[in-house]
Structures are given as structure tokens and as C-alpha cells.
Amino acid sequence: MPRKILLNFEQTMKIDKATIQKLAHLSRIEVDQSKETALIADMERIITWVKKLEELDTTGIAPLTHMSFEENIFRVDKAENELSNDDLLKNAPDHGAGFFKVPKVID
């Protein structure tokens, strides 16, 4: 049975400069003080939009956990030797005795 999630916006959150600064701190982002007023207006519009969503009748609609019904199909993870050492080494620029040869890095 689907649950209906109700958001209670009767006590609307007050968006002010202190709220913007706290959200910026929690988000670990830097907010320019000259843009705080525009952010306040944007956030108030978002909250108004979410309030509008409360008017929708969602009876009988199951909550989404994903935006699509596609599923990943995983294969069994098993180790297999699909290539021989000779096949692996044939395109190497330098090899010998069954190993890749690389330039010396540490003196």
C-alpha cells in the first residue's frame, strides 16, 4: 500500500540572510553577499512551488525510488584467463621473460 507523504508548510520556513548563510555553510559553498537577495527570492519561489504540489491528489500513486523503470543487468563476476601471456605481450613496446619491461623510475 503506497504511503502518502505530506509536507507541512503551515509553518513556512522564513528565508532570510541568516538562512542563506547557514545553507551555504552546510553546503560548503561560498555565496557572494551581493547575490543573497536574489537567492532569497529564488528560494521563496521554490517553497511556493512545493506548496502548490500539495494540492495534487496522489492517492494510489506509489512513491518513486528511480526516475525510470530500467534495470541494470549484471553478469556473474568470475575470473577467467581469456588471453594468453603471448597475446597480452605481443603489442607491448618492450617485454621479456613473460613480463612487460618499463623504464626505471626510482634510482
PDB file of N, CA and C in Angstrom:
ATOM      1  N   MET A   1       0.845  -1.180   0.000  1.00  0.00           N
ATOM      2  CA  MET A   1       0.000   0.000   0.000  1.00  0.00           C
ATOM      3  C   MET A   1       0.889   1.242   0.000  1.00  0.00           C
ATOM      4  N   PRO A   2       0.733   2.113  -0.986  1.00  0.00           N
ATOM      5  CA  PRO A   2       1.584   3.294  -1.063  1.00  0.00           C
ATOM      6  C   PRO A   2       1.290   4.259   0.074  1.00  0.00           C
ATOM      7  N   ARG A   3       2.365   4.893   0.516  1.00  0.00           N
ATOM      8  CA  ARG A   3       2.214   5.903   1.558  1.00  0.00           C
ATOM      9  C   ARG A   3       2.105   7.266   0.914  1.00  0.00           C
ATOM     10  N   LYS A   4       1.308   8.104   1.500  1.00  0.00           N
ATOM     11  CA  LYS A   4       1.208   9.475   1.019  1.00  0.00           C
ATOM     12  C   LYS A   4       2.084  10.336   1.910  1.00  0.00           C
ATOM     13  N   ILE A   5       3.031  10.998   1.318  1.00  0.00           N
ATOM     14  CA  ILE A   5       3.944  11.845   2.075  1.00  0.00           C
ATOM     15  C   ILE A   5       3.375  13.258   2.069  1.00  0.00           C
ATOM     16  N   LEU A   6       3.096  13.743   3.243  1.00  0.00           N
ATOM     17  CA  LEU A   6       2.549  15.085   3.360  1.00  0.00           C
ATOM     18  C   LEU A   6       3.629  16.024   3.875  1.00  0.00           C
ATOM     19  N   LEU A   7       3.747  17.135   3.232  1.00  0.00           N
ATOM     20  CA  LEU A   7       4.680  18.159   3.678  1.00  0.00           C
ATOM     21  C   LEU A   7       3.871  19.234   4.385  1.00  0.00           C
ATOM     22  N   ASN A   8       4.249  19.569   5.570  1.00  0.00           N
ATOM     23  CA  ASN A   8       3.507  20.563   6.333  1.00  0.00           C
ATOM     24  C   ASN A   8       4.176  21.924   6.168  1.00  0.00           C
ATOM     25  N   PHE A   9       3.564  22.749   5.356  1.00  0.00           N
ATOM     26  CA  PHE A   9       4.087  24.086   5.134  1.00  0.00           C
ATOM     27  C   PHE A   9       3.226  25.141   5.836  1.00  0.00           C
ATOM     28  N   GLU A  10       2.421  24.691   6.807  1.00  0.00           N
ATOM     29  CA  GLU A  10       1.621  25.657   7.544  1.00  0.00           C
ATOM     30  C   GLU A  10       2.537  26.641   8.264  1.00  0.00           C
ATOM     31  N   GLN A  11       3.623  26.118   8.814  1.00  0.00           N
ATOM     32  CA  GLN A  11       4.603  26.969   9.463  1.00  0.00           C
ATOM     33  C   GLN A  11       5.770  27.128   8.491  1.00  0.00           C
ATOM     34  N   THR A  12       5.594  28.024   7.543  1.00  0.00           N
ATOM     35  CA  THR A  12       6.568  28.198   6.487  1.00  0.00           C
ATOM     36  C   THR A  12       7.897  28.689   7.046  1.00  0.00           C
ATOM     37  N   MET A  13       8.945  28.092   6.531  1.00  0.00           N
ATOM     38  CA  MET A  13      10.286  28.465   6.922  1.00  0.00           C
ATOM     39  C   MET A  13      10.569  29.885   6.441  1.00  0.00           C
ATOM     40  N   LYS A  14      11.117  30.696   7.316  1.00  0.00           N
ATOM     41  CA  LYS A  14      11.451  32.073   6.962  1.00  0.00           C
ATOM     42  C   LYS A  14      12.812  32.086   6.291  1.00  0.00           C
ATOM     43  N   ILE A  15      12.837  32.562   5.063  1.00  0.00           N
ATOM     44  CA  ILE A  15      14.089  32.667   4.322  1.00  0.00           C
ATOM     45  C   ILE A  15      14.625  34.086   4.506  1.00  0.00           C
ATOM     46  N   ASP A  16      15.791  34.157   5.124  1.00  0.00           N
ATOM     47  CA  ASP A  16      16.444  35.451   5.302  1.00  0.00           C
ATOM     48  C   ASP A  16      17.942  35.266   5.067  1.00  0.00           C
ATOM     49  N   LYS A  17      18.699  36.317   5.269  1.00  0.00           N
ATOM     50  CA  LYS A  17      20.140  36.234   5.002  1.00  0.00           C
ATOM     51  C   LYS A  17      20.824  35.221   5.909  1.00  0.00           C
ATOM     52  N   ALA A  18      20.347  35.108   7.153  1.00  0.00           N
ATOM     53  CA  ALA A  18      20.940  34.129   8.079  1.00  0.00           C
ATOM     54  C   ALA A  18      20.696  32.702   7.567  1.00  0.00           C
ATOM     55  N   THR A  19      19.512  32.455   7.015  1.00  0.00           N
ATOM     56  CA  THR A  19      19.202  31.129   6.457  1.00  0.00           C
ATOM     57  C   THR A  19      20.100  30.836   5.261  1.00  0.00           C
ATOM     58  N   ILE A  20      20.291  31.822   4.402  1.00  0.00           N
ATOM     59  CA  ILE A  20      21.160  31.658   3.234  1.00  0.00           C
ATOM     60  C   ILE A  20      22.584  31.352   3.678  1.00  0.00           C
ATOM     61  N   GLN A  21      23.072  32.082   4.671  1.00  0.00           N
ATOM     62  CA  GLN A  21      24.434  31.854   5.161  1.00  0.00           C
ATOM     63  C   GLN A  21      24.578  30.475   5.790  1.00  0.00           C
ATOM     64  N   LYS A  22      23.555  30.032   6.526  1.00  0.00           N
ATOM     65  CA  LYS A  22      23.615  28.712   7.146  1.00  0.00           C
ATOM     66  C   LYS A  22      23.610  27.618   6.080  1.00  0.00           C
ATOM     67  N   LEU A  23      22.740  27.754   5.075  1.00  0.00           N
ATOM     68  CA  LEU A  23      22.700  26.771   3.982  1.00  0.00           C
ATOM     69  C   LEU A  23      24.010  26.754   3.203  1.00  0.00           C
ATOM     70  N   ALA A  24      24.593  27.926   2.998  1.00  0.00           N
ATOM     71  CA  ALA A  24      25.877  27.992   2.298  1.00  0.00           C
ATOM     72  C   ALA A  24      26.954  27.282   3.110  1.00  0.00           C
ATOM     73  N   HIS A  25      26.940  27.481   4.406  1.00  0.00           N
ATOM     74  CA  HIS A  25      27.920  26.812   5.277  1.00  0.00           C
ATOM     75  C   HIS A  25      27.723  25.296   5.234  1.00  0.00           C
ATOM     76  N   LEU A  26      26.479  24.846   5.360  1.00  0.00           N
ATOM     77  CA  LEU A  26      26.203  23.409   5.344  1.00  0.00           C
ATOM     78  C   LEU A  26      26.544  22.780   3.991  1.00  0.00           C
ATOM     79  N   SER A  27      26.361  23.555   2.916  1.00  0.00           N
ATOM     80  CA  SER A  27      26.649  23.057   1.568  1.00  0.00           C
ATOM     81  C   SER A  27      28.113  23.209   1.196  1.00  0.00           C
ATOM     82  N   ARG A  28      28.855  23.888   2.041  1.00  0.00           N
ATOM     83  CA  ARG A  28      30.273  24.157   1.792  1.00  0.00           C
ATOM     84  C   ARG A  28      30.473  24.919   0.484  1.00  0.00           C
ATOM     85  N   ILE A  29      29.627  25.932   0.286  1.00  0.00           N
ATOM     86  CA  ILE A  29      29.772  26.790  -0.886  1.00  0.00           C
ATOM     87  C   ILE A  29      29.925  28.232  -0.410  1.00  0.00           C
ATOM     88  N   GLU A  30      30.500  29.036  -1.260  1.00  0.00           N
ATOM     89  CA  GLU A  30      30.678  30.445  -0.946  1.00  0.00           C
ATOM     90  C   GLU A  30      29.600  31.236  -1.671  1.00  0.00           C
ATOM     91  N   VAL A  31      28.873  32.041  -0.925  1.00  0.00           N
ATOM     92  CA  VAL A  31      27.809  32.852  -1.506  1.00  0.00           C
ATOM     93  C   VAL A  31      28.203  34.319  -1.404  1.00  0.00           C
ATOM     94  N   ASP A  32      28.213  34.968  -2.535  1.00  0.00           N
ATOM     95  CA  ASP A  32      28.533  36.388  -2.590  1.00  0.00           C
ATOM     96  C   ASP A  32      27.393  37.173  -1.925  1.00  0.00           C
ATOM     97  N   GLN A  33      27.730  38.070  -1.025  1.00  0.00           N
ATOM     98  CA  GLN A  33      26.703  38.824  -0.297  1.00  0.00           C
ATOM     99  C   GLN A  33      25.823  39.645  -1.223  1.00  0.00           C
ATOM    100  N   SER A  34      26.345  40.041  -2.354  1.00  0.00           N
ATOM    101  CA  SER A  34      25.537  40.833  -3.292  1.00  0.00           C
ATOM    102  C   SER A  34      24.450  39.983  -3.953  1.00  0.00           C
ATOM    103  N   LYS A  35      24.580  38.666  -3.883  1.00  0.00           N
ATOM    104  CA  LYS A  35      23.597  37.779  -4.508  1.00  0.00           C
ATOM    105  C   LYS A  35      22.611  37.173  -3.505  1.00  0.00           C
ATOM    106  N   GLU A  36      22.757  37.518  -2.217  1.00  0.00           N
ATOM    107  CA  GLU A  36      21.880  36.937  -1.198  1.00  0.00           C
ATOM    108  C   GLU A  36      20.416  37.302  -1.422  1.00  0.00           C
ATOM    109  N   THR A  37      20.146  38.544  -1.808  1.00  0.00           N
ATOM    110  CA  THR A  37      18.762  38.976  -2.015  1.00  0.00           C
ATOM    111  C   THR A  37      18.109  38.177  -3.139  1.00  0.00           C
ATOM    112  N   ALA A  38      18.837  37.949  -4.218  1.00  0.00           N
ATOM    113  CA  ALA A  38      18.305  37.160  -5.332  1.00  0.00           C
ATOM    114  C   ALA A  38      18.081  35.708  -4.896  1.00  0.00           C
ATOM    115  N   LEU A  39      18.983  35.166  -4.081  1.00  0.00           N
ATOM    116  CA  LEU A  39      18.817  33.801  -3.588  1.00  0.00           C
ATOM    117  C   LEU A  39      17.594  33.671  -2.688  1.00  0.00           C
ATOM    118  N   ILE A  40      17.354  34.685  -1.863  1.00  0.00           N
ATOM    119  CA  ILE A  40      16.168  34.667  -1.002  1.00  0.00           C
ATOM    120  C   ILE A  40      14.909  34.591  -1.858  1.00  0.00           C
ATOM    121  N   ALA A  41      14.836  35.412  -2.890  1.00  0.00           N
ATOM    122  CA  ALA A  41      13.666  35.404  -3.780  1.00  0.00           C
ATOM    123  C   ALA A  41      13.520  34.058  -4.480  1.00  0.00           C
ATOM    124  N   ASP A  42      14.635  33.488  -4.950  1.00  0.00           N
ATOM    125  CA  ASP A  42      14.589  32.185  -5.621  1.00  0.00           C
ATOM    126  C   ASP A  42      14.097  31.096  -4.681  1.00  0.00           C
ATOM    127  N   MET A  43      14.597  31.089  -3.464  1.00  0.00           N
ATOM    128  CA  MET A  43      14.203  30.048  -2.514  1.00  0.00           C
ATOM    129  C   MET A  43      12.737  30.191  -2.116  1.00  0.00           C
ATOM    130  N   GLU A  44      12.268  31.419  -1.989  1.00  0.00           N
ATOM    131  CA  GLU A  44      10.842  31.629  -1.680  1.00  0.00           C
ATOM    132  C   GLU A  44       9.967  31.127  -2.819  1.00  0.00           C
ATOM    133  N   ARG A  45      10.413  31.317  -4.076  1.00  0.00           N
ATOM    134  CA  ARG A  45       9.650  30.794  -5.224  1.00  0.00           C
ATOM    135  C   ARG A  45       9.639  29.264  -5.204  1.00  0.00           C
ATOM    136  N   ILE A  46      10.743  28.646  -4.813  1.00  0.00           N
ATOM    137  CA  ILE A  46      10.808  27.187  -4.739  1.00  0.00           C
ATOM    138  C   ILE A  46       9.838  26.668  -3.680  1.00  0.00           C
ATOM    139  N   ILE A  47       9.820  27.310  -2.521  1.00  0.00           N
ATOM    140  CA  ILE A  47       8.921  26.874  -1.452  1.00  0.00           C
ATOM    141  C   ILE A  47       7.466  27.068  -1.867  1.00  0.00           C
ATOM    142  N   THR A  48       7.167  28.142  -2.558  1.00  0.00           N
ATOM    143  CA  THR A  48       5.809  28.364  -3.062  1.00  0.00           C
ATOM    144  C   THR A  48       5.430  27.270  -4.055  1.00  0.00           C
ATOM    145  N   TRP A  49       6.355  26.870  -4.906  1.00  0.00           N
ATOM    146  CA  TRP A  49       6.100  25.816  -5.888  1.00  0.00           C
ATOM    147  C   TRP A  49       5.833  24.481  -5.178  1.00  0.00           C
ATOM    148  N   VAL A  50       6.616  24.175  -4.143  1.00  0.00           N
ATOM    149  CA  VAL A  50       6.406  22.931  -3.396  1.00  0.00           C
ATOM    150  C   VAL A  50       5.061  22.965  -2.689  1.00  0.00           C
ATOM    151  N   LYS A  51       4.667  24.117  -2.157  1.00  0.00           N
ATOM    152  CA  LYS A  51       3.338  24.247  -1.542  1.00  0.00           C
ATOM    153  C   LYS A  51       2.244  23.938  -2.551  1.00  0.00           C
ATOM    154  N   LYS A  52       2.450  24.393  -3.777  1.00  0.00           N
ATOM    155  CA  LYS A  52       1.465  24.166  -4.846  1.00  0.00           C
ATOM    156  C   LYS A  52       1.320  22.670  -5.121  1.00  0.00           C
ATOM    157  N   LEU A  53       2.407  21.913  -4.985  1.00  0.00           N
ATOM    158  CA  LEU A  53       2.360  20.472  -5.213  1.00  0.00           C
ATOM    159  C   LEU A  53       1.463  19.755  -4.214  1.00  0.00           C
ATOM    160  N   GLU A  54       1.278  20.338  -3.018  1.00  0.00           N
ATOM    161  CA  GLU A  54       0.413  19.723  -2.019  1.00  0.00           C
ATOM    162  C   GLU A  54      -1.033  19.630  -2.493  1.00  0.00           C
ATOM    163  N   GLU A  55      -1.414  20.449  -3.469  1.00  0.00           N
ATOM    164  CA  GLU A  55      -2.784  20.437  -3.970  1.00  0.00           C
ATOM    165  C   GLU A  55      -3.077  19.205  -4.820  1.00  0.00           C
ATOM    166  N   LEU A  56      -2.030  18.524  -5.283  1.00  0.00           N
ATOM    167  CA  LEU A  56      -2.230  17.357  -6.137  1.00  0.00           C
ATOM    168  C   LEU A  56      -2.738  16.169  -5.340  1.00  0.00           C
ATOM    169  N   ASP A  57      -3.672  15.416  -5.945  1.00  0.00           N
ATOM    170  CA  ASP A  57      -4.163  14.196  -5.322  1.00  0.00           C
ATOM    171  C   ASP A  57      -3.251  13.053  -5.756  1.00  0.00           C
ATOM    172  N   THR A  58      -2.506  12.512  -4.810  1.00  0.00           N
ATOM    173  CA  THR A  58      -1.572  11.433  -5.124  1.00  0.00           C
ATOM    174  C   THR A  58      -2.070  10.087  -4.600  1.00  0.00           C
ATOM    175  N   THR A  59      -3.348   9.989  -4.340  1.00  0.00           N
ATOM    176  CA  THR A  59      -3.913   8.736  -3.856  1.00  0.00           C
ATOM    177  C   THR A  59      -3.706   7.643  -4.905  1.00  0.00           C
ATOM    178  N   GLY A  60      -3.159   6.526  -4.477  1.00  0.00           N
ATOM    179  CA  GLY A  60      -2.953   5.394  -5.378  1.00  0.00           C
ATOM    180  C   GLY A  60      -1.691   5.470  -6.210  1.00  0.00           C
ATOM    181  N   ILE A  61      -0.874   6.479  -6.003  1.00  0.00           N
ATOM    182  CA  ILE A  61       0.368   6.612  -6.760  1.00  0.00           C
ATOM    183  C   ILE A  61       1.521   6.199  -5.853  1.00  0.00           C
ATOM    184  N   ALA A  62       2.257   5.190  -6.286  1.00  0.00           N
ATOM    185  CA  ALA A  62       3.374   4.686  -5.489  1.00  0.00           C
ATOM    186  C   ALA A  62       4.545   5.661  -5.560  1.00  0.00           C
ATOM    187  N   PRO A  63       5.268   5.828  -4.461  1.00  0.00           N
ATOM    188  CA  PRO A  63       6.435   6.711  -4.494  1.00  0.00           C
ATOM    189  C   PRO A  63       7.516   6.157  -5.406  1.00  0.00           C
ATOM    190  N   LEU A  64       8.260   7.041  -6.047  1.00  0.00           N
ATOM    191  CA  LEU A  64       9.346   6.631  -6.934  1.00  0.00           C
ATOM    192  C   LEU A  64      10.645   6.488  -6.158  1.00  0.00           C
ATOM    193  N   THR A  65      11.402   5.470  -6.506  1.00  0.00           N
ATOM    194  CA  THR A  65      12.761   5.373  -5.989  1.00  0.00           C
ATOM    195  C   THR A  65      13.751   5.705  -7.090  1.00  0.00           C
ATOM    196  N   HIS A  66      13.312   5.615  -8.358  1.00  0.00           N
ATOM    197  CA  HIS A  66      14.129   5.950  -9.520  1.00  0.00           C
ATOM    198  C   HIS A  66      13.238   6.638 -10.541  1.00  0.00           C
ATOM    199  N   MET A  67      13.849   7.375 -11.442  1.00  0.00           N
ATOM    200  CA  MET A  67      13.073   8.112 -12.436  1.00  0.00           C
ATOM    201  C   MET A  67      12.687   7.273 -13.644  1.00  0.00           C
ATOM    202  N   SER A  68      13.214   6.061 -13.745  1.00  0.00           N
ATOM    203  CA  SER A  68      12.840   5.198 -14.858  1.00  0.00           C
ATOM    204  C   SER A  68      12.714   3.774 -14.356  1.00  0.00           C
ATOM    205  N   PHE A  69      12.138   2.929 -15.180  1.00  0.00           N
ATOM    206  CA  PHE A  69      11.947   1.540 -14.797  1.00  0.00           C
ATOM    207  C   PHE A  69      13.054   0.644 -15.337  1.00  0.00           C
ATOM    208  N   GLU A  70      14.084   1.235 -15.901  1.00  0.00           N
ATOM    209  CA  GLU A  70      15.192   0.448 -16.430  1.00  0.00           C
ATOM    210  C   GLU A  70      15.977  -0.183 -15.289  1.00  0.00           C
ATOM    211  N   GLU A  71      16.481  -1.385 -15.536  1.00  0.00           N
ATOM    212  CA  GLU A  71      17.262  -2.078 -14.534  1.00  0.00           C
ATOM    213  C   GLU A  71      18.594  -2.482 -15.137  1.00  0.00           C
ATOM    214  N   ASN A  72      19.633  -2.444 -14.316  1.00  0.00           N
ATOM    215  CA  ASN A  72      20.924  -2.942 -14.756  1.00  0.00           C
ATOM    216  C   ASN A  72      20.901  -4.460 -14.747  1.00  0.00           C
ATOM    217  N   ILE A  73      21.473  -5.031 -15.747  1.00  0.00           N
ATOM    218  CA  ILE A  73      21.604  -6.483 -15.803  1.00  0.00           C
ATOM    219  C   ILE A  73      23.068  -6.794 -15.564  1.00  0.00           C
ATOM    220  N   PHE A  74      23.329  -7.393 -14.432  1.00  0.00           N
ATOM    221  CA  PHE A  74      24.697  -7.682 -14.054  1.00  0.00           C
ATOM    222  C   PHE A  74      25.059  -9.103 -14.449  1.00  0.00           C
ATOM    223  N   ARG A  75      26.280  -9.283 -14.907  1.00  0.00           N
ATOM    224  CA  ARG A  75      26.760 -10.617 -15.214  1.00  0.00           C
ATOM    225  C   ARG A  75      27.477 -11.167 -13.995  1.00  0.00           C
ATOM    226  N   VAL A  76      27.628 -12.457 -13.963  1.00  0.00           N
ATOM    227  CA  VAL A  76      28.351 -13.079 -12.876  1.00  0.00           C
ATOM    228  C   VAL A  76      29.822 -12.689 -12.986  1.00  0.00           C
ATOM    229  N   ASP A  77      30.399 -12.267 -11.889  1.00  0.00           N
ATOM    230  CA  ASP A  77      31.795 -11.852 -11.881  1.00  0.00           C
ATOM    231  C   ASP A  77      32.667 -13.065 -11.587  1.00  0.00           C
ATOM    232  N   LYS A  78      33.282 -13.583 -12.636  1.00  0.00           N
ATOM    233  CA  LYS A  78      34.137 -14.752 -12.451  1.00  0.00           C
ATOM    234  C   LYS A  78      35.450 -14.529 -13.188  1.00  0.00           C
ATOM    235  N   ALA A  79      36.517 -14.987 -12.588  1.00  0.00           N
ATOM    236  CA  ALA A  79      37.846 -14.820 -13.178  1.00  0.00           C
ATOM    237  C   ALA A  79      38.063 -15.878 -14.248  1.00  0.00           C
ATOM    238  N   GLU A  80      38.518 -15.442 -15.398  1.00  0.00           N
ATOM    239  CA  GLU A  80      38.813 -16.352 -16.498  1.00  0.00           C
ATOM    240  C   GLU A  80      40.093 -15.889 -17.183  1.00  0.00           C
ATOM    241  N   ASN A  81      40.905 -16.821 -17.612  1.00  0.00           N
ATOM    242  CA  ASN A  81      42.097 -16.496 -18.392  1.00  0.00           C
ATOM    243  C   ASN A  81      41.713 -16.560 -19.865  1.00  0.00           C
ATOM    244  N   GLU A  82      41.266 -15.427 -20.381  1.00  0.00           N
ATOM    245  CA  GLU A  82      40.797 -15.394 -21.758  1.00  0.00           C
ATOM    246  C   GLU A  82      41.927 -15.116 -22.741  1.00  0.00           C
ATOM    247  N   LEU A  83      43.013 -14.511 -22.277  1.00  0.00           N
ATOM    248  CA  LEU A  83      44.142 -14.213 -23.143  1.00  0.00           C
ATOM    249  C   LEU A  83      45.389 -14.901 -22.598  1.00  0.00           C
ATOM    250  N   SER A  84      46.199 -15.385 -23.488  1.00  0.00           N
ATOM    251  CA  SER A  84      47.461 -15.997 -23.064  1.00  0.00           C
ATOM    252  C   SER A  84      48.500 -14.900 -22.840  1.00  0.00           C
ATOM    253  N   ASN A  85      49.596 -15.256 -22.150  1.00  0.00           N
ATOM    254  CA  ASN A  85      50.669 -14.284 -21.930  1.00  0.00           C
ATOM    255  C   ASN A  85      51.223 -13.769 -23.252  1.00  0.00           C
ATOM    256  N   ASP A  86      51.356 -14.646 -24.236  1.00  0.00           N
ATOM    257  CA  ASP A  86      51.880 -14.219 -25.542  1.00  0.00           C
ATOM    258  C   ASP A  86      50.953 -13.199 -26.190  1.00  0.00           C
ATOM    259  N   ASP A  87      49.642 -13.431 -26.111  1.00  0.00           N
ATOM    260  CA  ASP A  87      48.680 -12.469 -26.672  1.00  0.00           C
ATOM    261  C   ASP A  87      48.748 -11.135 -25.950  1.00  0.00           C
ATOM    262  N   LEU A  88      48.912 -11.174 -24.635  1.00  0.00           N
ATOM    263  CA  LEU A  88      48.984  -9.936 -23.857  1.00  0.00           C
ATOM    264  C   LEU A  88      50.241  -9.138 -24.168  1.00  0.00           C
ATOM    265  N   LEU A  89      51.353  -9.822 -24.402  1.00  0.00           N
ATOM    266  CA  LEU A  89      52.631  -9.145 -24.592  1.00  0.00           C
ATOM    267  C   LEU A  89      52.935  -8.771 -26.040  1.00  0.00           C
ATOM    268  N   LYS A  90      52.191  -9.295 -26.996  1.00  0.00           N
ATOM    269  CA  LYS A  90      52.559  -9.089 -28.395  1.00  0.00           C
ATOM    270  C   LYS A  90      52.519  -7.631 -28.838  1.00  0.00           C
ATOM    271  N   ASN A  91      51.701  -6.766 -28.216  1.00  0.00           N
ATOM    272  CA  ASN A  91      51.643  -5.351 -28.587  1.00  0.00           C
ATOM    273  C   ASN A  91      52.437  -4.455 -27.649  1.00  0.00           C
ATOM    274  N   ALA A  92      53.108  -5.049 -26.661  1.00  0.00           N
ATOM    275  CA  ALA A  92      53.898  -4.250 -25.721  1.00  0.00           C
ATOM    276  C   ALA A  92      55.141  -3.722 -26.425  1.00  0.00           C
ATOM    277  N   PRO A  93      55.527  -2.474 -26.156  1.00  0.00           N
ATOM    278  CA  PRO A  93      56.711  -1.920 -26.803  1.00  0.00           C
ATOM    279  C   PRO A  93      57.989  -2.674 -26.417  1.00  0.00           C
ATOM    280  N   ASP A  94      58.034  -3.170 -25.182  1.00  0.00           N
ATOM    281  CA  ASP A  94      59.222  -3.909 -24.747  1.00  0.00           C
ATOM    282  C   ASP A  94      58.793  -4.949 -23.724  1.00  0.00           C
ATOM    283  N   HIS A  95      59.231  -6.196 -23.929  1.00  0.00           N
ATOM    284  CA  HIS A  95      58.886  -7.257 -22.988  1.00  0.00           C
ATOM    285  C   HIS A  95      59.947  -8.337 -23.042  1.00  0.00           C
ATOM    286  N   GLY A  96      59.939  -9.135 -22.017  1.00  0.00           N
ATOM    287  CA  GLY A  96      60.889 -10.237 -21.972  1.00  0.00           C
ATOM    288  C   GLY A  96      60.575 -11.152 -20.803  1.00  0.00           C
ATOM    289  N   ALA A  97      60.824 -12.439 -20.967  1.00  0.00           N
ATOM    290  CA  ALA A  97      60.598 -13.452 -19.929  1.00  0.00           C
ATOM    291  C   ALA A  97      59.167 -13.436 -19.418  1.00  0.00           C
ATOM    292  N   GLY A  98      58.214 -13.093 -20.274  1.00  0.00           N
ATOM    293  CA  GLY A  98      56.802 -13.127 -19.884  1.00  0.00           C
ATOM    294  C   GLY A  98      56.325 -11.913 -19.120  1.00  0.00           C
ATOM    295  N   PHE A  99      57.106 -10.824 -19.097  1.00  0.00           N
ATOM    296  CA  PHE A  99      56.731  -9.617 -18.357  1.00  0.00           C
ATOM    297  C   PHE A  99      56.893  -8.386 -19.229  1.00  0.00           C
ATOM    298  N   PHE A 100      56.173  -7.309 -18.867  1.00  0.00           N
ATOM    299  CA  PHE A 100      56.357  -6.018 -19.508  1.00  0.00           C
ATOM    300  C   PHE A 100      57.648  -5.402 -18.986  1.00  0.00           C
ATOM    301  N   LYS A 101      58.410  -4.779 -19.861  1.00  0.00           N
ATOM    302  CA  LYS A 101      59.589  -4.033 -19.430  1.00  0.00           C
ATOM    303  C   LYS A 101      59.236  -2.550 -19.477  1.00  0.00           C
ATOM    304  N   VAL A 102      59.536  -1.861 -18.370  1.00  0.00           N
ATOM    305  CA  VAL A 102      59.237  -0.429 -18.273  1.00  0.00           C
ATOM    306  C   VAL A 102      60.495   0.307 -17.848  1.00  0.00           C
ATOM    307  N   PRO A 103      60.573   1.614 -18.134  1.00  0.00           N
ATOM    308  CA  PRO A 103      61.744   2.370 -17.736  1.00  0.00           C
ATOM    309  C   PRO A 103      61.879   2.421 -16.218  1.00  0.00           C
ATOM    310  N   LYS A 104      63.099   2.485 -15.750  1.00  0.00           N
ATOM    311  CA  LYS A 104      63.375   2.586 -14.318  1.00  0.00           C
ATOM    312  C   LYS A 104      62.900   3.949 -13.832  1.00  0.00           C
ATOM    313  N   VAL A 105      62.163   3.969 -12.740  1.00  0.00           N
ATOM    314  CA  VAL A 105      61.601   5.218 -12.217  1.00  0.00           C
ATOM    315  C   VAL A 105      62.346   5.668 -10.976  1.00  0.00           C
ATOM    316  N   ILE A 106      62.770   4.727 -10.149  1.00  0.00           N
ATOM    317  CA  ILE A 106      63.439   5.049  -8.879  1.00  0.00           C
ATOM    318  C   ILE A 106      64.915   4.733  -9.007  1.00  0.00           C
ATOM    319  N   ASP A 107      65.766   5.666  -8.568  1.00  0.00           N
ATOM    320  CA  ASP A 107      67.222   5.427  -8.585  1.00  0.00           C
ATOM    321  C   ASP A 107      67.641   4.638  -7.385  1.00  0.00           C
TER     322      ASP A 107
END
